C-alpha atoms as a PDB file:
ATOM      1  CA  UNK A   1      84.593 146.290 -26.559  1.00  0.00           C
ATOM      2  CA  UNK A   2      83.275 144.349 -29.543  1.00  0.00           C
ATOM      3  CA  UNK A   3      84.291 147.125 -31.929  1.00  0.00           C
ATOM      4  CA  UNK A   4      87.711 147.188 -30.314  1.00  0.00           C
ATOM      5  CA  UNK A   5      88.207 143.470 -30.883  1.00  0.00           C
ATOM      6  CA  UNK A   6      87.061 143.836 -34.481  1.00  0.00           C
ATOM      7  CA  UNK A   7      89.531 146.670 -35.053  1.00  0.00           C
ATOM      8  CA  UNK A   8      92.318 144.643 -33.456  1.00  0.00           C
ATOM      9  CA  UNK A   9      91.580 141.620 -35.631  1.00  0.00           C
ATOM     10  CA  UNK A  10      91.455 143.643 -38.825  1.00  0.00           C
ATOM     11  CA  UNK A  11      94.562 145.595 -37.900  1.00  0.00           C
ATOM     12  CA  UNK A  12      96.506 142.437 -37.124  1.00  0.00           C
ATOM     13  CA  UNK A  13      95.402 140.558 -40.241  1.00  0.00           C
ATOM     14  CA  UNK A  14      97.717 142.157 -42.829  1.00  0.00           C
ATOM     15  CA  UNK A  15     100.743 141.786 -40.587  1.00  0.00           C
ATOM     16  CA  UNK A  16     100.011 138.184 -39.594  1.00  0.00           C
ATOM     17  CA  UNK A  17      99.152 136.935 -43.050  1.00  0.00           C
ATOM     18  CA  UNK A  18     102.033 138.805 -44.690  1.00  0.00           C
ATOM     19  CA  UNK A  19     104.305 137.291 -42.083  1.00  0.00           C
ATOM     20  CA  UNK A  20     103.028 133.858 -43.057  1.00  0.00           C
ATOM     21  CA  UNK A  21     103.304 134.205 -46.846  1.00  0.00           C
ATOM     22  CA  UNK A  22     106.558 132.264 -46.850  1.00  0.00           C
ATOM     23  CA  UNK A  23     105.851 128.948 -45.176  1.00  0.00           C
ATOM     24  CA  UNK A  24     109.443 128.608 -43.989  1.00  0.00           C
ATOM     25  CA  UNK A  25     109.236 131.988 -42.252  1.00  0.00           C
ATOM     26  CA  UNK A  26     105.941 131.278 -40.540  1.00  0.00           C
ATOM     27  CA  UNK A  27     107.013 130.951 -36.934  1.00  0.00           C
ATOM     28  CA  UNK A  28     105.108 128.356 -34.825  1.00  0.00           C
ATOM     29  CA  UNK A  29     104.358 131.121 -32.336  1.00  0.00           C
ATOM     30  CA  UNK A  30     101.938 132.691 -34.823  1.00  0.00           C
ATOM     31  CA  UNK A  31     100.366 129.620 -36.390  1.00  0.00           C
ATOM     32  CA  UNK A  32      97.179 129.795 -34.300  1.00  0.00           C
ATOM     33  CA  UNK A  33      96.596 133.541 -34.652  1.00  0.00           C
ATOM     34  CA  UNK A  34      94.605 133.327 -37.929  1.00  0.00           C
ATOM     35  CA  UNK A  35      92.222 130.829 -36.296  1.00  0.00           C
ATOM     36  CA  UNK A  36      91.822 133.024 -33.204  1.00  0.00           C
ATOM     37  CA  UNK A  37      91.147 136.087 -35.338  1.00  0.00           C
ATOM     38  CA  UNK A  38      88.656 134.273 -37.563  1.00  0.00           C
ATOM     39  CA  UNK A  39      86.802 132.753 -34.628  1.00  0.00           C
ATOM     40  CA  UNK A  40      86.690 136.092 -32.823  1.00  0.00           C
ATOM     41  CA  UNK A  41      85.138 137.841 -35.807  1.00  0.00           C
ATOM     42  CA  UNK A  42      82.635 135.045 -36.428  1.00  0.00           C
ATOM     43  CA  UNK A  43      81.530 134.716 -32.815  1.00  0.00           C
ATOM     44  CA  UNK A  44      80.700 138.425 -32.519  1.00  0.00           C
ATOM     45  CA  UNK A  45      78.319 138.230 -35.447  1.00  0.00           C
ATOM     46  CA  UNK A  46      76.851 134.935 -34.279  1.00  0.00           C
ATOM     47  CA  UNK A  47      76.308 136.260 -30.743  1.00  0.00           C
ATOM     48  CA  UNK A  48      74.544 139.362 -32.014  1.00  0.00           C
ATOM     49  CA  UNK A  49      72.424 137.247 -34.367  1.00  0.00           C
ATOM     50  CA  UNK A  50      71.469 134.836 -31.589  1.00  0.00           C
ATOM     51  CA  UNK A  51      70.444 137.663 -29.254  1.00  0.00           C
ATOM     52  CA  UNK A  52      68.489 139.361 -32.046  1.00  0.00           C
ATOM     53  CA  UNK A  53      66.607 136.154 -32.901  1.00  0.00           C
ATOM     54  CA  UNK A  54      65.797 135.658 -29.214  1.00  0.00           C
ATOM     55  CA  UNK A  55      64.459 139.228 -28.995  1.00  0.00           C
ATOM     56  CA  UNK A  56      62.227 138.675 -32.017  1.00  0.00           C
ATOM     57  CA  UNK A  57      61.016 135.361 -30.585  1.00  0.00           C
ATOM     58  CA  UNK A  58      60.262 136.824 -27.154  1.00  0.00           C
ATOM     59  CA  UNK A  59      59.118 140.335 -27.986  1.00  0.00           C
ATOM     60  CA  UNK A  60      58.314 140.382 -31.685  1.00  0.00           C
ATOM     61  CA  UNK A  61      60.891 143.124 -32.251  1.00  0.00           C
ATOM     62  CA  UNK A  62      64.621 143.769 -32.288  1.00  0.00           C
ATOM     63  CA  UNK A  63      66.006 145.285 -29.087  1.00  0.00           C
ATOM     64  CA  UNK A  64      69.243 147.111 -29.850  1.00  0.00           C
ATOM     65  CA  UNK A  65      70.736 146.795 -26.362  1.00  0.00           C
ATOM     66  CA  UNK A  66      70.126 143.041 -26.359  1.00  0.00           C
ATOM     67  CA  UNK A  67      71.663 142.657 -29.823  1.00  0.00           C
ATOM     68  CA  UNK A  68      74.784 144.603 -28.905  1.00  0.00           C
ATOM     69  CA  UNK A  69      75.147 142.647 -25.676  1.00  0.00           C
ATOM     70  CA  UNK A  70      74.988 139.550 -27.876  1.00  0.00           C
ATOM     71  CA  UNK A  71      78.294 140.686 -29.411  1.00  0.00           C
ATOM     72  CA  UNK A  72      79.848 140.667 -25.971  1.00  0.00           C
ATOM     73  CA  UNK A  73      78.272 137.346 -24.985  1.00  0.00           C
ATOM     74  CA  UNK A  74      79.824 135.795 -28.078  1.00  0.00           C
ATOM     75  CA  UNK A  75      83.238 137.272 -27.265  1.00  0.00           C
ATOM     76  CA  UNK A  76      83.072 135.919 -23.716  1.00  0.00           C
ATOM     77  CA  UNK A  77      81.959 132.481 -24.902  1.00  0.00           C
ATOM     78  CA  UNK A  78      84.797 132.169 -27.418  1.00  0.00           C
ATOM     79  CA  UNK A  79      87.558 132.834 -24.882  1.00  0.00           C
ATOM     80  CA  UNK A  80      87.989 129.164 -23.840  1.00  0.00           C
ATOM     81  CA  UNK A  81      87.819 127.852 -27.420  1.00  0.00           C
ATOM     82  CA  UNK A  82      89.208 130.508 -29.777  1.00  0.00           C
ATOM     83  CA  UNK A  83      92.562 128.824 -30.350  1.00  0.00           C
ATOM     84  CA  UNK A  84      91.215 125.376 -31.156  1.00  0.00           C
ATOM     85  CA  UNK A  85      87.563 125.510 -32.283  1.00  0.00           C
ATOM     86  CA  UNK A  86      86.299 124.958 -35.806  1.00  0.00           C
ATOM     87  CA  UNK A  87      84.716 127.964 -37.464  1.00  0.00           C
ATOM     88  CA  UNK A  88      81.272 126.348 -37.557  1.00  0.00           C
ATOM     89  CA  UNK A  89      81.617 125.225 -33.944  1.00  0.00           C
ATOM     90  CA  UNK A  90      82.478 128.783 -32.977  1.00  0.00           C
ATOM     91  CA  UNK A  91      79.404 130.113 -34.751  1.00  0.00           C
ATOM     92  CA  UNK A  92      77.193 127.569 -32.992  1.00  0.00           C
ATOM     93  CA  UNK A  93      78.593 128.568 -29.610  1.00  0.00           C
ATOM     94  CA  UNK A  94      78.091 132.247 -30.436  1.00  0.00           C
ATOM     95  CA  UNK A  95      74.486 131.694 -31.478  1.00  0.00           C
ATOM     96  CA  UNK A  96      73.703 129.821 -28.268  1.00  0.00           C
ATOM     97  CA  UNK A  97      75.514 132.370 -26.091  1.00  0.00           C
ATOM     98  CA  UNK A  98      73.596 135.213 -27.718  1.00  0.00           C
ATOM     99  CA  UNK A  99      70.238 133.425 -27.740  1.00  0.00           C
ATOM    100  CA  UNK A 100      70.309 132.620 -24.020  1.00  0.00           C
ATOM    101  CA  UNK A 101      70.967 136.229 -23.054  1.00  0.00           C
ATOM    102  CA  UNK A 102      67.424 137.683 -22.875  1.00  0.00           C
ATOM    103  CA  UNK A 103      66.046 134.527 -21.271  1.00  0.00           C
ATOM    104  CA  UNK A 104      68.603 134.575 -18.445  1.00  0.00           C
ATOM    105  CA  UNK A 105      68.157 138.333 -18.060  1.00  0.00           C
ATOM    106  CA  UNK A 106      64.388 137.899 -17.786  1.00  0.00           C
ATOM    107  CA  UNK A 107      64.784 135.135 -15.193  1.00  0.00           C
ATOM    108  CA  UNK A 108      67.089 137.305 -13.075  1.00  0.00           C
ATOM    109  CA  UNK A 109      64.601 140.164 -13.287  1.00  0.00           C
ATOM    110  CA  UNK A 110      61.787 137.853 -12.154  1.00  0.00           C
ATOM    111  CA  UNK A 111      63.904 136.995  -9.090  1.00  0.00           C
ATOM    112  CA  UNK A 112      64.428 140.717  -8.394  1.00  0.00           C
ATOM    113  CA  UNK A 113      68.166 140.498  -9.080  1.00  0.00           C
ATOM    114  CA  UNK A 114      69.394 143.882 -10.306  1.00  0.00           C
ATOM    115  CA  UNK A 115      71.503 143.386 -13.442  1.00  0.00           C
ATOM    116  CA  UNK A 116      70.597 146.327 -15.645  1.00  0.00           C
ATOM    117  CA  UNK A 117      73.532 145.808 -18.057  1.00  0.00           C
ATOM    118  CA  UNK A 118      73.068 142.001 -18.365  1.00  0.00           C
ATOM    119  CA  UNK A 119      76.463 141.307 -16.829  1.00  0.00           C
ATOM    120  CA  UNK A 120      75.486 137.843 -15.580  1.00  0.00           C
ATOM    121  CA  UNK A 121      74.193 136.425 -18.899  1.00  0.00           C
ATOM    122  CA  UNK A 122      77.049 138.097 -20.794  1.00  0.00           C
ATOM    123  CA  UNK A 123      80.003 137.326 -18.537  1.00  0.00           C
ATOM    124  CA  UNK A 124      78.547 134.431 -16.557  1.00  0.00           C
ATOM    125  CA  UNK A 125      76.349 131.989 -18.434  1.00  0.00           C
ATOM    126  CA  UNK A 126      77.965 132.780 -21.794  1.00  0.00           C
ATOM    127  CA  UNK A 127      81.356 131.868 -20.323  1.00  0.00           C
ATOM    128  CA  UNK A 128      79.944 128.606 -18.990  1.00  0.00           C
ATOM    129  CA  UNK A 129      78.543 127.772 -22.438  1.00  0.00           C
ATOM    130  CA  UNK A 130      81.882 128.438 -24.129  1.00  0.00           C
ATOM    131  CA  UNK A 131      83.906 126.419 -21.638  1.00  0.00           C
ATOM    132  CA  UNK A 132      81.491 123.470 -21.607  1.00  0.00           C
ATOM    133  CA  UNK A 133      81.408 123.429 -25.416  1.00  0.00           C
ATOM    134  CA  UNK A 134      85.171 122.928 -25.751  1.00  0.00           C
ATOM    135  CA  UNK A 135      85.183 119.129 -26.284  1.00  0.00           C
ATOM    136  CA  UNK A 136      82.385 119.444 -28.855  1.00  0.00           C
ATOM    137  CA  UNK A 137      84.027 122.058 -31.084  1.00  0.00           C
ATOM    138  CA  UNK A 138      87.776 121.543 -30.709  1.00  0.00           C
ATOM    139  CA  UNK A 139      89.946 120.311 -33.558  1.00  0.00           C
ATOM    140  CA  UNK A 140      92.352 118.665 -31.114  1.00  0.00           C
ATOM    141  CA  UNK A 141      92.517 115.228 -29.562  1.00  0.00           C
ATOM    142  CA  UNK A 142      90.017 116.280 -26.884  1.00  0.00           C
ATOM    143  CA  UNK A 143      87.139 116.178 -29.408  1.00  0.00           C
ATOM    144  CA  UNK A 144      84.162 114.373 -27.826  1.00  0.00           C
ATOM    145  CA  UNK A 145      86.361 113.390 -24.881  1.00  0.00           C
ATOM    146  CA  UNK A 146      84.470 112.610 -21.690  1.00  0.00           C
ATOM    147  CA  UNK A 147      87.604 113.411 -19.698  1.00  0.00           C
ATOM    148  CA  UNK A 148      87.851 116.822 -21.355  1.00  0.00           C
ATOM    149  CA  UNK A 149      84.192 117.561 -20.623  1.00  0.00           C
ATOM    150  CA  UNK A 150      84.647 116.539 -16.991  1.00  0.00           C
ATOM    151  CA  UNK A 151      87.754 118.732 -16.765  1.00  0.00           C
ATOM    152  CA  UNK A 152      85.874 121.734 -18.136  1.00  0.00           C
ATOM    153  CA  UNK A 153      82.912 121.212 -15.803  1.00  0.00           C
ATOM    154  CA  UNK A 154      85.204 120.675 -12.818  1.00  0.00           C
ATOM    155  CA  UNK A 155      87.067 123.873 -13.662  1.00  0.00           C
ATOM    156  CA  UNK A 156      83.811 125.812 -13.967  1.00  0.00           C
ATOM    157  CA  UNK A 157      82.653 124.445 -10.603  1.00  0.00           C
ATOM    158  CA  UNK A 158      85.894 125.402  -8.870  1.00  0.00           C
ATOM    159  CA  UNK A 159      85.828 128.887 -10.387  1.00  0.00           C
ATOM    160  CA  UNK A 160      82.197 129.289  -9.321  1.00  0.00           C
ATOM    161  CA  UNK A 161      82.888 128.198  -5.752  1.00  0.00           C
ATOM    162  CA  UNK A 162      85.954 130.418  -5.382  1.00  0.00           C
ATOM    163  CA  UNK A 163      84.082 133.372  -6.857  1.00  0.00           C
ATOM    164  CA  UNK A 164      81.113 132.773  -4.547  1.00  0.00           C
ATOM    165  CA  UNK A 165      83.397 132.560  -1.510  1.00  0.00           C
ATOM    166  CA  UNK A 166      85.284 135.758  -2.340  1.00  0.00           C
ATOM    167  CA  UNK A 167      82.002 137.555  -3.081  1.00  0.00           C
ATOM    168  CA  UNK A 168      80.483 136.379   0.216  1.00  0.00           C
ATOM    169  CA  UNK A 169      83.492 137.585   2.216  1.00  0.00           C
ATOM    170  CA  UNK A 170      83.443 140.930   0.413  1.00  0.00           C
ATOM    171  CA  UNK A 171      79.713 141.450   0.989  1.00  0.00           C
ATOM    172  CA  UNK A 172      79.968 140.484   4.659  1.00  0.00           C
ATOM    173  CA  UNK A 173      82.845 142.934   5.108  1.00  0.00           C
ATOM    174  CA  UNK A 174      80.848 145.706   3.435  1.00  0.00           C
ATOM    175  CA  UNK A 175      77.883 144.961   5.694  1.00  0.00           C
ATOM    176  CA  UNK A 176      80.108 144.962   8.767  1.00  0.00           C
ATOM    177  CA  UNK A 177      81.350 148.421   7.818  1.00  0.00           C
ATOM    178  CA  UNK A 178      77.741 149.553   7.300  1.00  0.00           C
ATOM    179  CA  UNK A 179      78.413 150.872   3.798  1.00  0.00           C
ATOM    180  CA  UNK A 180      76.187 148.426   1.958  1.00  0.00           C
ATOM    181  CA  UNK A 181      73.583 150.943   0.810  1.00  0.00           C
ATOM    182  CA  UNK A 182      73.624 154.498  -0.439  1.00  0.00           C
ATOM    183  CA  UNK A 183      71.014 157.111   0.619  1.00  0.00           C
ATOM    184  CA  UNK A 184      67.525 156.381  -0.717  1.00  0.00           C
ATOM    185  CA  UNK A 185      67.420 159.504  -2.884  1.00  0.00           C
ATOM    186  CA  UNK A 186      70.605 158.320  -4.616  1.00  0.00           C
ATOM    187  CA  UNK A 187      69.061 154.886  -5.148  1.00  0.00           C
ATOM    188  CA  UNK A 188      66.037 156.463  -6.817  1.00  0.00           C
ATOM    189  CA  UNK A 189      67.983 158.943  -8.904  1.00  0.00           C
ATOM    190  CA  UNK A 190      70.854 156.573  -9.686  1.00  0.00           C
ATOM    191  CA  UNK A 191      74.509 156.699  -8.692  1.00  0.00           C
ATOM    192  CA  UNK A 192      75.423 157.761 -12.213  1.00  0.00           C
ATOM    193  CA  UNK A 193      73.627 161.051 -11.542  1.00  0.00           C
ATOM    194  CA  UNK A 194      74.491 161.573  -7.871  1.00  0.00           C
ATOM    195  CA  UNK A 195      78.172 160.663  -8.268  1.00  0.00           C
ATOM    196  CA  UNK A 196      78.934 161.651 -11.862  1.00  0.00           C
ATOM    197  CA  UNK A 197      76.142 164.071 -12.860  1.00  0.00           C
ATOM    198  CA  UNK A 198      75.109 162.012 -15.916  1.00  0.00           C
ATOM    199  CA  UNK A 199      72.365 159.564 -16.866  1.00  0.00           C
ATOM    200  CA  UNK A 200      74.251 156.526 -18.120  1.00  0.00           C
ATOM    201  CA  UNK A 201      71.164 154.580 -19.258  1.00  0.00           C
ATOM    202  CA  UNK A 202      68.404 157.104 -20.070  1.00  0.00           C
ATOM    203  CA  UNK A 203      66.124 154.374 -21.416  1.00  0.00           C
ATOM    204  CA  UNK A 204      65.805 153.018 -17.862  1.00  0.00           C
ATOM    205  CA  UNK A 205      65.487 156.403 -16.151  1.00  0.00           C
ATOM    206  CA  UNK A 206      62.362 157.979 -14.732  1.00  0.00           C
ATOM    207  CA  UNK A 207      61.128 161.167 -16.392  1.00  0.00           C
ATOM    208  CA  UNK A 208      61.449 163.184 -13.175  1.00  0.00           C
ATOM    209  CA  UNK A 209      64.594 162.530 -11.198  1.00  0.00           C
ATOM    210  CA  UNK A 210      66.007 164.485  -8.273  1.00  0.00           C
ATOM    211  CA  UNK A 211      68.261 167.210  -9.633  1.00  0.00           C
ATOM    212  CA  UNK A 212      67.396 166.941 -13.325  1.00  0.00           C
ATOM    213  CA  UNK A 213      65.500 165.343 -16.181  1.00  0.00           C
ATOM    214  CA  UNK A 214      65.951 161.898 -17.708  1.00  0.00           C
ATOM    215  CA  UNK A 215      68.452 163.315 -20.154  1.00  0.00           C
ATOM    216  CA  UNK A 216      70.730 164.501 -17.379  1.00  0.00           C
ATOM    217  CA  UNK A 217      70.132 168.229 -17.976  1.00  0.00           C
ATOM    218  CA  UNK A 218      68.744 170.868 -15.667  1.00  0.00           C
ATOM    219  CA  UNK A 219      66.828 172.906 -18.243  1.00  0.00           C
ATOM    220  CA  UNK A 220      63.751 173.289 -16.053  1.00  0.00           C
END
């Protein structure tokens, strides 16, 4: 996803900036695109850097999966601010979004919440950071506006409540249909293997799984 955004930004750049060479021909529709593209590129790097620094701080080493997820955390965090944030504000948001990732992931693990791909710190807390940061990084009239901050927090609260309600209804429906859990052997081996005959995340797999090895082959 991060590489896709980078390719999109770089592919769009020549067209957008060539289109804007003549000031009179620069249509208002496109005037914010250079800022969005710049902020998107910057936030990916900042998110990866933040996650890498957090890995070094916590573990004394760089963890590749955490660093790459930092790219995504930065991209999620920039969504509410890309069109209006300053470049240095964007980088600050990206650093924070990336840095929080392993800490939130570790907390979830300590609470026995299964989130092997760090979806919650990437798409959850990183999004909250980006949205809440809007009045602190915007170039518009909302800069340091208490009303803007309240609006962002109120929006986040409403989204959280609606999401929680829909999730609760969905889970209760699944439980009522008695399809909440898969067979135990599939839990142990992983749905990636039982349903798709692959090991999606071999670094988390056991060495001896039902039906094959940790690499997803049946050599023995």
